[in-house]
Amino acid sequence: MSRFLWDTQFAHTADMKHQMQQVVKYLVTNRGVVIPEAQLQSVFGMRPILSNIINKLFEQCINTGYIREFASILPLVTRGEPKSNLPDLLTMRNITIDLKDNAEAKPLESYYELKDKIVVNLSELVKIDTANRGTQVSDLNEMHSMYVRGMFVRSYAHSDGWLNPILCTYIIQTYCMTISSIIARNENLAITDQLTVASIFALYMAQMLSSSHENMSRPSLYYRCTFLGNMRELDEIANKVGHVSANGLNIQSVCELIAELGPARLQKFNAGMFYRMCSSLGPSTDIISTRIAFEYPPYWLLMILRALDGVKMGSMFMQLKQNNLVNEGKKFAHNLISARPLFESK
């Protein structure tokens, strides 16, 4: 399974390949939008009064030198000129632009300040007054989130296995239990039917988090999901979906399997129904990030952390609480901050 954001179904639907070409053209002709490292020192040195999980991860990003993987930009818009003249991707905070191993970014390989960088657009968050050497940040937590998400995207794409099994198991549990709980409530499912739905989603996330040498239809991470049943019950689901899962699952095939294996009331279950039911997990103001999170672990991980940090947008925190995953999430966050693969995969 591909580990690049640009290969997700959402990216194909949104034609991000074409949008990326527009970004590259813009950056080639506007190199001055890259903020010099010296000007960012005061910005990166800012800390909130109360530090949350994402703030601590950003601090680790600084301390480990991962911050050098980023190119921070302030796109220039001439007074009176509409923002729409910028490439679409540069007007969106919710899309991480990683230039490394991106075929569309080859024209930037001779630009040292942009080559293989993760691009972060700070135009809506940071104002730098070069004359008076003053800097203003309108939303420090949001700025930290953008860098942390960029680190997640890069480290996931350039690792083979990403995080340790304990951390991965919690990610899988949050994924399959929150989603299956929403579907169960909407469709009035019995607990046994909910666990079937959860097991299929668990297998999908386990595939996305597993290393390339794993058996796709029986990844070892899936068999750590004993919160769904015993080994025999897990293997029974794996056997039933093996004809599809062996080639790698996606949202479409997961929904088809639920329609196939679930109760009669789910026979017409499809991806459209899934998105309508479950998009409420994320904020109504950012449906894009939620849609990506359903098929891309780095975005899902950020959603979990934002909920654990107390960001009251969407129903994620409520679902974590109802599934008794909040206290365990605090332990998860503590271990994540010191997870070496997160900061070493560049």
C-alpha atoms as a PDB file:
ATOM      1  CA  MET A   1       0.000   0.000   0.000  1.00  0.00           C
ATOM      2  CA  SER A   2       1.272   3.462  -0.869  1.00  0.00           C
ATOM      3  CA  ARG A   3       2.299   5.652   2.048  1.00  0.00           C
ATOM      4  CA  PHE A   4       2.137   8.973   0.197  1.00  0.00           C
ATOM      5  CA  LEU A   5      -0.690  11.461   0.673  1.00  0.00           C
ATOM      6  CA  TRP A   6      -0.762  12.094  -3.081  1.00  0.00           C
ATOM      7  CA  ASP A   7      -1.745   8.465  -3.729  1.00  0.00           C
ATOM      8  CA  THR A   8      -4.863   8.497  -1.564  1.00  0.00           C
ATOM      9  CA  GLN A   9      -8.281   8.236  -3.141  1.00  0.00           C
ATOM     10  CA  PHE A  10      -9.063  11.737  -1.929  1.00  0.00           C
ATOM     11  CA  ALA A  11      -5.988  13.115  -3.713  1.00  0.00           C
ATOM     12  CA  HIS A  12      -7.028  11.433  -6.965  1.00  0.00           C
ATOM     13  CA  THR A  13     -10.582  12.724  -6.666  1.00  0.00           C
ATOM     14  CA  ALA A  14      -9.358  16.265  -5.980  1.00  0.00           C
ATOM     15  CA  ASP A  15      -6.818  16.049  -8.847  1.00  0.00           C
ATOM     16  CA  MET A  16      -3.990  17.053  -6.524  1.00  0.00           C
ATOM     17  CA  LYS A  17      -1.422  16.116  -9.159  1.00  0.00           C
ATOM     18  CA  HIS A  18      -2.545  19.052 -11.308  1.00  0.00           C
ATOM     19  CA  GLN A  19      -2.789  21.310  -8.261  1.00  0.00           C
ATOM     20  CA  MET A  20       0.738  20.355  -7.256  1.00  0.00           C
ATOM     21  CA  GLN A  21       2.009  21.375 -10.678  1.00  0.00           C
ATOM     22  CA  GLN A  22       0.515  24.822 -10.095  1.00  0.00           C
ATOM     23  CA  VAL A  23       2.230  25.073  -6.698  1.00  0.00           C
ATOM     24  CA  VAL A  24       5.599  24.198  -8.219  1.00  0.00           C
ATOM     25  CA  LYS A  25       5.198  26.811 -10.958  1.00  0.00           C
ATOM     26  CA  TYR A  26       4.361  29.393  -8.334  1.00  0.00           C
ATOM     27  CA  LEU A  27       7.351  28.517  -6.147  1.00  0.00           C
ATOM     28  CA  VAL A  28       9.751  28.588  -9.103  1.00  0.00           C
ATOM     29  CA  THR A  29       8.775  32.153  -9.923  1.00  0.00           C
ATOM     30  CA  ASN A  30       8.327  33.310  -6.313  1.00  0.00           C
ATOM     31  CA  ARG A  31      11.343  32.031  -4.381  1.00  0.00           C
ATOM     32  CA  GLY A  32      11.135  35.074  -2.142  1.00  0.00           C
ATOM     33  CA  VAL A  33       8.101  33.651  -0.327  1.00  0.00           C
ATOM     34  CA  VAL A  34      10.356  31.276   1.640  1.00  0.00           C
ATOM     35  CA  ILE A  35      10.986  32.757   5.083  1.00  0.00           C
ATOM     36  CA  PRO A  36      14.706  32.824   6.011  1.00  0.00           C
ATOM     37  CA  GLU A  37      15.530  30.592   8.953  1.00  0.00           C
ATOM     38  CA  ALA A  38      16.829  33.522  11.021  1.00  0.00           C
ATOM     39  CA  GLN A  39      13.451  35.254  10.852  1.00  0.00           C
ATOM     40  CA  LEU A  40      11.721  32.144  12.188  1.00  0.00           C
ATOM     41  CA  GLN A  41      13.760  31.803  15.366  1.00  0.00           C
ATOM     42  CA  SER A  42      11.452  34.031  17.391  1.00  0.00           C
ATOM     43  CA  VAL A  43       8.371  32.307  15.950  1.00  0.00           C
ATOM     44  CA  PHE A  44       9.643  28.835  16.805  1.00  0.00           C
ATOM     45  CA  GLY A  45      10.669  29.999  20.250  1.00  0.00           C
ATOM     46  CA  MET A  46       7.136  30.978  21.228  1.00  0.00           C
ATOM     47  CA  ARG A  47       5.403  28.697  23.734  1.00  0.00           C
ATOM     48  CA  PRO A  48       1.792  28.651  24.970  1.00  0.00           C
ATOM     49  CA  ILE A  49       1.043  29.234  28.642  1.00  0.00           C
ATOM     50  CA  LEU A  50      -0.417  25.720  28.930  1.00  0.00           C
ATOM     51  CA  SER A  51       1.392  23.110  26.842  1.00  0.00           C
ATOM     52  CA  ASN A  52      -0.628  20.321  25.241  1.00  0.00           C
ATOM     53  CA  ILE A  53       0.375  17.129  23.413  1.00  0.00           C
ATOM     54  CA  ILE A  54       0.786  18.792  20.025  1.00  0.00           C
ATOM     55  CA  ASN A  55       2.842  21.626  21.538  1.00  0.00           C
ATOM     56  CA  LYS A  56       5.183  19.036  23.067  1.00  0.00           C
ATOM     57  CA  LEU A  57       5.520  17.208  19.770  1.00  0.00           C
ATOM     58  CA  PHE A  58       6.375  20.495  18.060  1.00  0.00           C
ATOM     59  CA  GLU A  59       9.039  21.119  20.693  1.00  0.00           C
ATOM     60  CA  GLN A  60      10.481  17.682  19.920  1.00  0.00           C
ATOM     61  CA  CYS A  61      10.413  18.631  16.250  1.00  0.00           C
ATOM     62  CA  ILE A  62      12.614  21.598  17.139  1.00  0.00           C
ATOM     63  CA  ASN A  63      14.896  19.714  19.546  1.00  0.00           C
ATOM     64  CA  THR A  64      15.556  16.818  17.144  1.00  0.00           C
ATOM     65  CA  GLY A  65      16.273  19.112  14.192  1.00  0.00           C
ATOM     66  CA  TYR A  66      13.260  17.822  12.259  1.00  0.00           C
ATOM     67  CA  ILE A  67      12.226  21.425  11.735  1.00  0.00           C
ATOM     68  CA  ARG A  68      14.967  21.656   9.071  1.00  0.00           C
ATOM     69  CA  GLU A  69      12.829  19.420   6.854  1.00  0.00           C
ATOM     70  CA  PHE A  70      10.377  22.314   6.438  1.00  0.00           C
ATOM     71  CA  ALA A  71      10.189  25.313   4.143  1.00  0.00           C
ATOM     72  CA  SER A  72       7.988  27.929   5.784  1.00  0.00           C
ATOM     73  CA  ILE A  73       6.460  30.373   3.326  1.00  0.00           C
ATOM     74  CA  LEU A  74       4.527  33.638   3.299  1.00  0.00           C
ATOM     75  CA  PRO A  75       2.853  33.814  -0.142  1.00  0.00           C
ATOM     76  CA  LEU A  76       2.740  37.374  -1.418  1.00  0.00           C
ATOM     77  CA  VAL A  77      -0.563  38.864  -2.498  1.00  0.00           C
ATOM     78  CA  THR A  78      -0.370  42.344  -3.959  1.00  0.00           C
ATOM     79  CA  ARG A  79      -2.777  44.803  -2.382  1.00  0.00           C
ATOM     80  CA  GLY A  80      -6.023  44.669  -4.297  1.00  0.00           C
ATOM     81  CA  GLU A  81      -5.144  41.318  -5.838  1.00  0.00           C
ATOM     82  CA  PRO A  82      -7.535  38.454  -4.975  1.00  0.00           C
ATOM     83  CA  LYS A  83      -6.169  35.533  -2.979  1.00  0.00           C
ATOM     84  CA  SER A  84      -7.601  33.267  -5.683  1.00  0.00           C
ATOM     85  CA  ASN A  85      -4.551  34.103  -7.807  1.00  0.00           C
ATOM     86  CA  LEU A  86      -2.576  31.782  -5.530  1.00  0.00           C
ATOM     87  CA  PRO A  87      -2.549  28.039  -6.313  1.00  0.00           C
ATOM     88  CA  ASP A  88      -5.429  26.364  -4.477  1.00  0.00           C
ATOM     89  CA  LEU A  89      -3.171  24.184  -2.339  1.00  0.00           C
ATOM     90  CA  LEU A  90      -1.414  27.260  -0.943  1.00  0.00           C
ATOM     91  CA  THR A  91      -4.707  28.685   0.273  1.00  0.00           C
ATOM     92  CA  MET A  92      -5.566  25.540   2.246  1.00  0.00           C
ATOM     93  CA  ARG A  93      -4.185  24.857   5.732  1.00  0.00           C
ATOM     94  CA  ASN A  94      -5.444  21.288   5.742  1.00  0.00           C
ATOM     95  CA  ILE A  95      -3.212  19.868   2.991  1.00  0.00           C
ATOM     96  CA  THR A  96       0.396  18.972   3.767  1.00  0.00           C
ATOM     97  CA  ILE A  97       2.636  19.636   0.771  1.00  0.00           C
ATOM     98  CA  ASP A  98       5.644  17.316   0.897  1.00  0.00           C
ATOM     99  CA  LEU A  99       8.059  17.846  -1.989  1.00  0.00           C
ATOM    100  CA  LYS A 100      10.265  14.836  -1.252  1.00  0.00           C
ATOM    101  CA  ASP A 101       9.939  11.978  -3.759  1.00  0.00           C
ATOM    102  CA  ASN A 102       7.154  13.894  -5.465  1.00  0.00           C
ATOM    103  CA  ALA A 103       7.482  13.623  -9.230  1.00  0.00           C
ATOM    104  CA  GLU A 104       5.766  16.951  -9.772  1.00  0.00           C
ATOM    105  CA  ALA A 105       8.392  18.716  -7.619  1.00  0.00           C
ATOM    106  CA  LYS A 106      11.417  17.845  -9.798  1.00  0.00           C
ATOM    107  CA  PRO A 107      11.748  21.432 -11.129  1.00  0.00           C
ATOM    108  CA  LEU A 108      12.562  22.496  -7.538  1.00  0.00           C
ATOM    109  CA  GLU A 109      15.527  20.159  -7.074  1.00  0.00           C
ATOM    110  CA  SER A 110      18.025  22.934  -7.802  1.00  0.00           C
ATOM    111  CA  TYR A 111      16.433  25.252  -5.227  1.00  0.00           C
ATOM    112  CA  TYR A 112      18.220  24.426  -1.991  1.00  0.00           C
ATOM    113  CA  GLU A 113      15.627  26.168   0.189  1.00  0.00           C
ATOM    114  CA  LEU A 114      12.803  24.079  -1.328  1.00  0.00           C
ATOM    115  CA  LYS A 115      14.355  20.773  -2.388  1.00  0.00           C
ATOM    116  CA  ASP A 116      12.747  17.828  -0.550  1.00  0.00           C
ATOM    117  CA  LYS A 117      11.016  20.155   1.907  1.00  0.00           C
ATOM    118  CA  ILE A 118       7.630  20.011   3.612  1.00  0.00           C
ATOM    119  CA  VAL A 119       5.953  23.299   2.715  1.00  0.00           C
ATOM    120  CA  VAL A 120       4.020  25.131   5.438  1.00  0.00           C
ATOM    121  CA  ASN A 121       2.059  28.247   4.506  1.00  0.00           C
ATOM    122  CA  LEU A 122       2.072  30.648   7.460  1.00  0.00           C
ATOM    123  CA  SER A 123       0.313  33.538   5.725  1.00  0.00           C
ATOM    124  CA  GLU A 124      -2.890  33.291   7.786  1.00  0.00           C
ATOM    125  CA  LEU A 125      -1.058  32.787  11.071  1.00  0.00           C
ATOM    126  CA  VAL A 126       2.171  34.810  11.143  1.00  0.00           C
ATOM    127  CA  LYS A 127       3.019  38.433  10.460  1.00  0.00           C
ATOM    128  CA  ILE A 128       6.687  39.420  10.329  1.00  0.00           C
ATOM    129  CA  ASP A 129       7.612  43.088  10.546  1.00  0.00           C
ATOM    130  CA  THR A 130      11.149  43.093   9.135  1.00  0.00           C
ATOM    131  CA  ALA A 131      11.581  46.826   9.721  1.00  0.00           C
ATOM    132  CA  ASN A 132      10.907  46.617  13.449  1.00  0.00           C
ATOM    133  CA  ARG A 133      11.962  42.979  13.810  1.00  0.00           C
ATOM    134  CA  GLY A 134       8.593  42.160  15.314  1.00  0.00           C
ATOM    135  CA  THR A 135       6.615  38.944  14.880  1.00  0.00           C
ATOM    136  CA  GLN A 136       2.965  38.201  15.578  1.00  0.00           C
ATOM    137  CA  VAL A 137       1.361  34.751  15.644  1.00  0.00           C
ATOM    138  CA  SER A 138      -2.430  34.750  15.635  1.00  0.00           C
ATOM    139  CA  ASP A 139      -2.905  31.058  16.562  1.00  0.00           C
ATOM    140  CA  LEU A 140       0.114  29.303  18.044  1.00  0.00           C
ATOM    141  CA  ASN A 141      -1.643  25.961  18.531  1.00  0.00           C
ATOM    142  CA  GLU A 142      -2.806  25.873  14.910  1.00  0.00           C
ATOM    143  CA  MET A 143       0.709  26.710  13.708  1.00  0.00           C
ATOM    144  CA  HIS A 144       2.203  23.907  15.814  1.00  0.00           C
ATOM    145  CA  SER A 145      -0.433  21.503  14.464  1.00  0.00           C
ATOM    146  CA  MET A 146       0.592  22.239  10.875  1.00  0.00           C
ATOM    147  CA  TYR A 147       4.232  21.390  11.554  1.00  0.00           C
ATOM    148  CA  VAL A 148       3.368  18.299  13.581  1.00  0.00           C
ATOM    149  CA  ARG A 149       1.048  17.057  10.842  1.00  0.00           C
ATOM    150  CA  GLY A 150       3.823  17.657   8.315  1.00  0.00           C
ATOM    151  CA  MET A 151       6.197  15.597  10.448  1.00  0.00           C
ATOM    152  CA  PHE A 152       3.604  12.803  10.684  1.00  0.00           C
ATOM    153  CA  VAL A 153       3.110  12.794   6.903  1.00  0.00           C
ATOM    154  CA  ARG A 154       6.855  12.739   6.142  1.00  0.00           C
ATOM    155  CA  SER A 155       7.780  10.120   8.752  1.00  0.00           C
ATOM    156  CA  TYR A 156       4.913   7.838   7.706  1.00  0.00           C
ATOM    157  CA  ALA A 157       5.786   8.098   4.018  1.00  0.00           C
ATOM    158  CA  HIS A 158       9.471   7.340   4.608  1.00  0.00           C
ATOM    159  CA  SER A 159       9.226   4.502   7.097  1.00  0.00           C
ATOM    160  CA  ASP A 160       8.377   0.840   6.766  1.00  0.00           C
ATOM    161  CA  GLY A 161       6.218   0.077   9.753  1.00  0.00           C
ATOM    162  CA  TRP A 162       6.194   3.626  11.211  1.00  0.00           C
ATOM    163  CA  LEU A 163       5.377   3.236  14.929  1.00  0.00           C
ATOM    164  CA  ASN A 164       5.820   0.395  17.424  1.00  0.00           C
ATOM    165  CA  PRO A 165       3.037  -2.210  17.823  1.00  0.00           C
ATOM    166  CA  ILE A 166       1.724  -0.774  21.107  1.00  0.00           C
ATOM    167  CA  LEU A 167       1.211   2.677  19.586  1.00  0.00           C
ATOM    168  CA  CYS A 168      -0.243   1.188  16.410  1.00  0.00           C
ATOM    169  CA  THR A 169      -2.731  -0.903  18.371  1.00  0.00           C
ATOM    170  CA  TYR A 170      -4.162   2.181  20.041  1.00  0.00           C
ATOM    171  CA  ILE A 171      -4.480   3.953  16.679  1.00  0.00           C
ATOM    172  CA  ILE A 172      -6.305   0.919  15.257  1.00  0.00           C
ATOM    173  CA  GLN A 173      -8.583   0.721  18.291  1.00  0.00           C
ATOM    174  CA  THR A 174      -9.585   4.380  18.079  1.00  0.00           C
ATOM    175  CA  TYR A 175     -10.214   4.003  14.352  1.00  0.00           C
ATOM    176  CA  CYS A 176     -12.349   0.878  14.335  1.00  0.00           C
ATOM    177  CA  MET A 177     -14.256   1.536  17.555  1.00  0.00           C
ATOM    178  CA  THR A 178     -15.209   5.172  16.958  1.00  0.00           C
ATOM    179  CA  ILE A 179     -16.309   4.488  13.395  1.00  0.00           C
ATOM    180  CA  SER A 180     -18.179   1.265  14.174  1.00  0.00           C
ATOM    181  CA  SER A 181     -19.913   2.935  17.143  1.00  0.00           C
ATOM    182  CA  ILE A 182     -21.338   5.627  14.864  1.00  0.00           C
ATOM    183  CA  ILE A 183     -22.479   3.073  12.276  1.00  0.00           C
ATOM    184  CA  ALA A 184     -23.969   0.869  15.012  1.00  0.00           C
ATOM    185  CA  ARG A 185     -25.933   3.777  16.465  1.00  0.00           C
ATOM    186  CA  ASN A 186     -27.215   4.896  13.068  1.00  0.00           C
ATOM    187  CA  GLU A 187     -28.178   1.390  11.962  1.00  0.00           C
ATOM    188  CA  ASN A 188     -29.255   0.056  15.381  1.00  0.00           C
ATOM    189  CA  LEU A 189     -26.767  -2.846  15.228  1.00  0.00           C
ATOM    190  CA  ALA A 190     -26.387  -5.590  17.783  1.00  0.00           C
ATOM    191  CA  ILE A 191     -22.992  -5.724  19.493  1.00  0.00           C
ATOM    192  CA  THR A 192     -21.953  -8.800  17.479  1.00  0.00           C
ATOM    193  CA  ASP A 193     -22.688  -6.980  14.234  1.00  0.00           C
ATOM    194  CA  GLN A 194     -20.812  -3.894  15.426  1.00  0.00           C
ATOM    195  CA  LEU A 195     -17.763  -6.038  16.204  1.00  0.00           C
ATOM    196  CA  THR A 196     -17.883  -7.467  12.666  1.00  0.00           C
ATOM    197  CA  VAL A 197     -17.889  -3.937  11.250  1.00  0.00           C
ATOM    198  CA  ALA A 198     -15.118  -2.901  13.657  1.00  0.00           C
ATOM    199  CA  SER A 199     -12.990  -5.924  12.704  1.00  0.00           C
ATOM    200  CA  ILE A 200     -13.092  -5.017   9.008  1.00  0.00           C
ATOM    201  CA  PHE A 201     -12.062  -1.439   9.743  1.00  0.00           C
ATOM    202  CA  ALA A 202      -9.366  -2.733  12.118  1.00  0.00           C
ATOM    203  CA  LEU A 203      -7.920  -4.917   9.360  1.00  0.00           C
ATOM    204  CA  TYR A 204      -7.850  -1.937   7.004  1.00  0.00           C
ATOM    205  CA  MET A 205      -5.989   0.308   9.454  1.00  0.00           C
ATOM    206  CA  ALA A 206      -3.655  -2.561  10.373  1.00  0.00           C
ATOM    207  CA  GLN A 207      -2.722  -2.886   6.705  1.00  0.00           C
ATOM    208  CA  MET A 208      -1.956   0.832   6.459  1.00  0.00           C
ATOM    209  CA  LEU A 209       0.260   0.725   9.565  1.00  0.00           C
ATOM    210  CA  SER A 210       2.101  -2.511   8.729  1.00  0.00           C
ATOM    211  CA  SER A 211       5.491  -2.942   7.102  1.00  0.00           C
ATOM    212  CA  SER A 212       5.782  -4.034   3.478  1.00  0.00           C
ATOM    213  CA  HIS A 213       6.848  -7.615   4.269  1.00  0.00           C
ATOM    214  CA  GLU A 214       3.619  -8.378   6.166  1.00  0.00           C
ATOM    215  CA  ASN A 215       0.897 -10.669   4.835  1.00  0.00           C
ATOM    216  CA  MET A 216      -1.720  -8.158   3.681  1.00  0.00           C
ATOM    217  CA  SER A 217      -4.650 -10.414   4.492  1.00  0.00           C
ATOM    218  CA  ARG A 218      -3.281 -11.271   7.959  1.00  0.00           C
ATOM    219  CA  PRO A 219      -1.091  -8.441   9.257  1.00  0.00           C
ATOM    220  CA  SER A 220       0.274  -9.102  12.728  1.00  0.00           C
ATOM    221  CA  LEU A 221      -1.102  -5.789  14.009  1.00  0.00           C
ATOM    222  CA  TYR A 222      -4.625  -7.030  13.299  1.00  0.00           C
ATOM    223  CA  TYR A 223      -4.113  -9.985  15.605  1.00  0.00           C
ATOM    224  CA  ARG A 224      -3.242  -7.615  18.438  1.00  0.00           C
ATOM    225  CA  CYS A 225      -6.855  -6.402  18.365  1.00  0.00           C
ATOM    226  CA  THR A 226      -8.087  -8.773  21.066  1.00  0.00           C
ATOM    227  CA  PHE A 227     -10.483  -6.050  22.246  1.00  0.00           C
ATOM    228  CA  LEU A 228     -12.605  -7.228  19.279  1.00  0.00           C
ATOM    229  CA  GLY A 229     -12.578 -10.928  20.164  1.00  0.00           C
ATOM    230  CA  ASN A 230     -10.296 -13.892  20.593  1.00  0.00           C
ATOM    231  CA  MET A 231      -7.781 -15.098  18.015  1.00  0.00           C
ATOM    232  CA  ARG A 232     -10.242 -17.576  16.495  1.00  0.00           C
ATOM    233  CA  GLU A 233     -12.846 -14.852  15.987  1.00  0.00           C
ATOM    234  CA  LEU A 234     -10.308 -12.484  14.466  1.00  0.00           C
ATOM    235  CA  ASP A 235      -9.092 -15.219  12.138  1.00  0.00           C
ATOM    236  CA  GLU A 236     -12.652 -16.009  11.102  1.00  0.00           C
ATOM    237  CA  ILE A 237     -13.142 -12.439   9.866  1.00  0.00           C
ATOM    238  CA  ALA A 238      -9.721 -12.480   8.158  1.00  0.00           C
ATOM    239  CA  ASN A 239     -10.715 -15.668   6.314  1.00  0.00           C
ATOM    240  CA  LYS A 240     -14.046 -14.237   5.185  1.00  0.00           C
ATOM    241  CA  VAL A 241     -12.514 -11.061   3.730  1.00  0.00           C
ATOM    242  CA  GLY A 242      -9.277 -12.612   2.443  1.00  0.00           C
ATOM    243  CA  HIS A 243     -10.458 -12.689  -1.176  1.00  0.00           C
ATOM    244  CA  VAL A 244     -10.501  -8.875  -1.084  1.00  0.00           C
ATOM    245  CA  SER A 245      -7.986  -7.901   1.605  1.00  0.00           C
ATOM    246  CA  ALA A 246      -5.102  -9.814  -0.033  1.00  0.00           C
ATOM    247  CA  ASN A 247      -4.895  -7.030  -2.642  1.00  0.00           C
ATOM    248  CA  GLY A 248      -5.090  -4.234  -0.081  1.00  0.00           C
ATOM    249  CA  LEU A 249      -8.246  -2.648   1.282  1.00  0.00           C
ATOM    250  CA  ASN A 250      -9.615   0.850   0.726  1.00  0.00           C
ATOM    251  CA  ILE A 251     -12.729   2.672   1.912  1.00  0.00           C
ATOM    252  CA  GLN A 252     -14.743   1.427  -1.058  1.00  0.00           C
ATOM    253  CA  SER A 253     -13.851  -2.236  -0.564  1.00  0.00           C
ATOM    254  CA  VAL A 254     -14.267  -2.005   3.228  1.00  0.00           C
ATOM    255  CA  CYS A 255     -17.817  -0.728   2.750  1.00  0.00           C
ATOM    256  CA  GLU A 256     -18.550  -3.488   0.233  1.00  0.00           C
ATOM    257  CA  LEU A 257     -17.319  -6.100   2.701  1.00  0.00           C
ATOM    258  CA  ILE A 258     -19.530  -4.635   5.439  1.00  0.00           C
ATOM    259  CA  ALA A 259     -22.507  -4.897   3.082  1.00  0.00           C
ATOM    260  CA  GLU A 260     -21.530  -8.496   2.337  1.00  0.00           C
ATOM    261  CA  LEU A 261     -20.837  -9.727   5.884  1.00  0.00           C
ATOM    262  CA  GLY A 262     -23.077  -7.466   7.942  1.00  0.00           C
ATOM    263  CA  PRO A 263     -26.765  -7.920   8.799  1.00  0.00           C
ATOM    264  CA  ALA A 264     -29.532  -7.482   6.214  1.00  0.00           C
ATOM    265  CA  ARG A 265     -29.995  -3.805   7.108  1.00  0.00           C
ATOM    266  CA  LEU A 266     -26.422  -3.122   5.887  1.00  0.00           C
ATOM    267  CA  GLN A 267     -26.805  -4.816   2.500  1.00  0.00           C
ATOM    268  CA  LYS A 268     -26.869  -1.425   0.757  1.00  0.00           C
ATOM    269  CA  PHE A 269     -24.059   0.074   2.843  1.00  0.00           C
ATOM    270  CA  ASN A 270     -21.598   2.002   0.675  1.00  0.00           C
ATOM    271  CA  ALA A 271     -18.875   4.643   0.826  1.00  0.00           C
ATOM    272  CA  GLY A 272     -21.349   7.501   0.447  1.00  0.00           C
ATOM    273  CA  MET A 273     -23.299   6.310   3.489  1.00  0.00           C
ATOM    274  CA  PHE A 274     -20.068   5.875   5.421  1.00  0.00           C
ATOM    275  CA  TYR A 275     -18.908   9.436   4.766  1.00  0.00           C
ATOM    276  CA  ARG A 276     -22.316  10.910   5.598  1.00  0.00           C
ATOM    277  CA  MET A 277     -22.428   9.050   8.923  1.00  0.00           C
ATOM    278  CA  CYS A 278     -18.839   9.405  10.079  1.00  0.00           C
ATOM    279  CA  SER A 279     -17.646  12.792   8.863  1.00  0.00           C
ATOM    280  CA  SER A 280     -19.064  14.256  12.090  1.00  0.00           C
ATOM    281  CA  LEU A 281     -16.010  12.838  13.898  1.00  0.00           C
ATOM    282  CA  GLY A 282     -14.102  15.893  12.716  1.00  0.00           C
ATOM    283  CA  PRO A 283     -15.035  19.587  12.707  1.00  0.00           C
ATOM    284  CA  SER A 284     -17.761  20.731  10.326  1.00  0.00           C
ATOM    285  CA  THR A 285     -15.386  23.500   9.230  1.00  0.00           C
ATOM    286  CA  ASP A 286     -12.768  21.037   7.972  1.00  0.00           C
ATOM    287  CA  ILE A 287     -14.436  18.110   6.202  1.00  0.00           C
ATOM    288  CA  ILE A 288     -11.363  17.696   3.986  1.00  0.00           C
ATOM    289  CA  SER A 289      -9.017  16.711   6.831  1.00  0.00           C
ATOM    290  CA  THR A 290     -11.586  14.241   8.161  1.00  0.00           C
ATOM    291  CA  ARG A 291     -12.068  12.627   4.745  1.00  0.00           C
ATOM    292  CA  ILE A 292      -8.308  12.252   4.360  1.00  0.00           C
ATOM    293  CA  ALA A 293      -7.986  10.875   7.908  1.00  0.00           C
ATOM    294  CA  PHE A 294     -10.269   7.951   7.080  1.00  0.00           C
ATOM    295  CA  GLU A 295      -7.705   6.632   4.599  1.00  0.00           C
ATOM    296  CA  TYR A 296      -4.427   8.142   5.793  1.00  0.00           C
ATOM    297  CA  PRO A 297      -3.009   7.361   9.298  1.00  0.00           C
ATOM    298  CA  PRO A 298      -1.004  10.609   9.810  1.00  0.00           C
ATOM    299  CA  TYR A 299      -4.195  12.659   9.549  1.00  0.00           C
ATOM    300  CA  TRP A 300      -6.106  10.222  11.770  1.00  0.00           C
ATOM    301  CA  LEU A 301      -3.346  10.457  14.380  1.00  0.00           C
ATOM    302  CA  LEU A 302      -3.611  14.251  14.431  1.00  0.00           C
ATOM    303  CA  MET A 303      -7.390  13.988  14.865  1.00  0.00           C
ATOM    304  CA  ILE A 304      -6.891  11.755  17.912  1.00  0.00           C
ATOM    305  CA  LEU A 305      -4.357  14.103  19.476  1.00  0.00           C
ATOM    306  CA  ARG A 306      -6.476  17.190  18.911  1.00  0.00           C
ATOM    307  CA  ALA A 307      -9.379  15.446  20.642  1.00  0.00           C
ATOM    308  CA  LEU A 308      -7.168  14.363  23.541  1.00  0.00           C
ATOM    309  CA  ASP A 309      -5.921  17.953  23.772  1.00  0.00           C
ATOM    310  CA  GLY A 310      -9.498  19.043  24.369  1.00  0.00           C
ATOM    311  CA  VAL A 311     -10.261  20.612  20.999  1.00  0.00           C
ATOM    312  CA  LYS A 312     -14.064  20.551  21.029  1.00  0.00           C
ATOM    313  CA  MET A 313     -14.721  20.206  17.312  1.00  0.00           C
ATOM    314  CA  GLY A 314     -16.566  17.178  16.000  1.00  0.00           C
ATOM    315  CA  SER A 315     -17.556  14.119  17.999  1.00  0.00           C
ATOM    316  CA  MET A 316     -14.134  12.446  18.265  1.00  0.00           C
ATOM    317  CA  PHE A 317     -13.606  13.168  21.966  1.00  0.00           C
ATOM    318  CA  MET A 318     -17.111  11.982  22.826  1.00  0.00           C
ATOM    319  CA  GLN A 319     -16.508   8.750  20.913  1.00  0.00           C
ATOM    320  CA  LEU A 320     -13.146   8.202  22.609  1.00  0.00           C
ATOM    321  CA  LYS A 321     -14.809   8.752  25.975  1.00  0.00           C
ATOM    322  CA  GLN A 322     -17.727   6.417  25.245  1.00  0.00           C
ATOM    323  CA  ASN A 323     -15.287   3.698  24.179  1.00  0.00           C
ATOM    324  CA  ASN A 324     -13.108   4.179  27.296  1.00  0.00           C
ATOM    325  CA  LEU A 325     -10.135   5.336  25.232  1.00  0.00           C
ATOM    326  CA  VAL A 326      -9.349   8.685  26.866  1.00  0.00           C
ATOM    327  CA  ASN A 327      -7.214   7.520  29.809  1.00  0.00           C
ATOM    328  CA  GLU A 328      -5.387   5.066  27.580  1.00  0.00           C
ATOM    329  CA  GLY A 329      -4.922   7.920  25.138  1.00  0.00           C
ATOM    330  CA  LYS A 330      -2.965   9.899  27.708  1.00  0.00           C
ATOM    331  CA  LYS A 331      -0.501   7.016  28.049  1.00  0.00           C
ATOM    332  CA  PHE A 332      -0.396   6.732  24.261  1.00  0.00           C
ATOM    333  CA  ALA A 333       0.443  10.436  23.901  1.00  0.00           C
ATOM    334  CA  HIS A 334       3.201  10.220  26.518  1.00  0.00           C
ATOM    335  CA  ASN A 335       4.834   7.326  24.632  1.00  0.00           C
ATOM    336  CA  LEU A 336       4.335   8.974  21.249  1.00  0.00           C
ATOM    337  CA  ILE A 337       6.351  12.038  22.266  1.00  0.00           C
ATOM    338  CA  SER A 338       9.404   9.823  22.770  1.00  0.00           C
ATOM    339  CA  ALA A 339       8.811   7.540  19.762  1.00  0.00           C
ATOM    340  CA  ARG A 340      12.140   7.585  17.889  1.00  0.00           C
ATOM    341  CA  PRO A 341      10.777   6.439  14.466  1.00  0.00           C
ATOM    342  CA  LEU A 342       8.568   9.520  14.425  1.00  0.00           C
ATOM    343  CA  PHE A 343      11.568  11.839  14.502  1.00  0.00           C
ATOM    344  CA  GLU A 344      14.105   9.694  12.654  1.00  0.00           C
ATOM    345  CA  SER A 345      12.138   8.884   9.485  1.00  0.00           C
ATOM    346  CA  LYS A 346      12.888  11.751   7.099  1.00  0.00           C
END
